[in-house]
């Protein structure tokens, strides 16, 4: 029976005139680095504020223990 180790990454969603937005490349670089360590992305949980505005996301990763 496989045993798994889990990790959760939290990212605030930034935007607006005075903030730098994360790009797809930012996420790709980090996920590729984690993939080289054996981590696999298995889920994404979005969190919204009032009026459905996305405020943060959690990325759920796992790797064999």
Protein backbone atom coordinates (compact mmCIF):
# COMPACT_ATOMS: atom_id res chain seq x y z
CA UNK A 1 0.00 0.00 0.00
CA UNK A 2 1.44 3.37 -1.04
CA UNK A 3 2.00 6.01 1.62
CA UNK A 4 1.90 9.68 0.64
CA UNK A 5 3.32 12.90 1.99
CA UNK A 6 1.27 16.05 1.25
CA UNK A 7 2.14 19.71 0.90
CA UNK A 8 -0.11 22.76 0.50
CA UNK A 9 1.10 25.98 -1.11
CA UNK A 10 -0.91 29.16 -0.64
CA UNK A 11 -0.78 32.02 -3.11
CA UNK A 12 -2.47 35.38 -2.73
CA UNK A 13 -3.90 36.60 -6.00
CA UNK A 14 -2.47 40.04 -6.68
CA UNK A 15 -3.65 42.57 -9.16
CA UNK A 16 -4.39 46.21 -9.64
CA UNK A 17 -2.33 49.18 -10.69
CA UNK A 18 0.23 49.11 -7.88
CA UNK A 19 0.81 45.36 -7.53
CA UNK A 20 2.80 42.92 -9.64
CA UNK A 21 0.66 40.05 -10.90
CA UNK A 22 2.01 36.50 -10.95
CA UNK A 23 2.32 35.08 -14.43
CA UNK A 24 1.91 31.52 -15.69
CA UNK A 25 5.71 31.40 -15.94
CA UNK A 26 6.02 32.11 -12.21
CA UNK A 27 3.86 29.09 -11.38
CA UNK A 28 5.55 26.90 -14.00
CA UNK A 29 9.03 27.61 -12.64
CA UNK A 30 7.99 26.76 -9.10
CA UNK A 31 5.97 23.67 -10.05
CA UNK A 32 8.78 22.34 -12.26
CA UNK A 33 11.25 22.77 -9.39
CA UNK A 34 8.90 20.90 -7.04
CA UNK A 35 8.35 18.21 -9.69
CA UNK A 36 12.10 17.59 -9.81
CA UNK A 37 11.88 16.95 -6.03
CA UNK A 38 9.18 14.32 -6.64
CA UNK A 39 6.08 16.43 -5.86
CA UNK A 40 2.95 16.02 -8.02
CA UNK A 41 0.15 18.61 -8.21
CA UNK A 42 -3.10 16.84 -7.33
CA UNK A 43 -5.54 19.66 -6.62
CA UNK A 44 -6.29 23.37 -6.64
CA UNK A 45 -8.68 25.10 -4.23
CA UNK A 46 -9.76 28.67 -5.09
CA UNK A 47 -10.91 31.03 -2.32
CA UNK A 48 -13.15 33.96 -3.14
CA UNK A 49 -14.14 37.14 -1.34
CA UNK A 50 -17.36 39.09 -1.53
CA UNK A 51 -18.81 39.35 -5.05
CA UNK A 52 -16.85 36.26 -6.16
CA UNK A 53 -13.47 38.01 -6.49
CA UNK A 54 -10.65 35.45 -6.34
CA UNK A 55 -8.45 36.24 -3.32
CA UNK A 56 -6.11 33.24 -2.98
CA UNK A 57 -5.51 29.71 -4.17
CA UNK A 58 -4.16 26.59 -2.49
CA UNK A 59 -2.16 24.12 -4.55
CA UNK A 60 -2.15 20.59 -3.11
CA UNK A 61 0.84 18.39 -3.90
CA UNK A 62 1.80 14.84 -2.96
CA UNK A 63 4.81 12.54 -3.24
CA UNK A 64 5.60 9.04 -2.02
CA UNK A 65 6.74 8.90 1.60
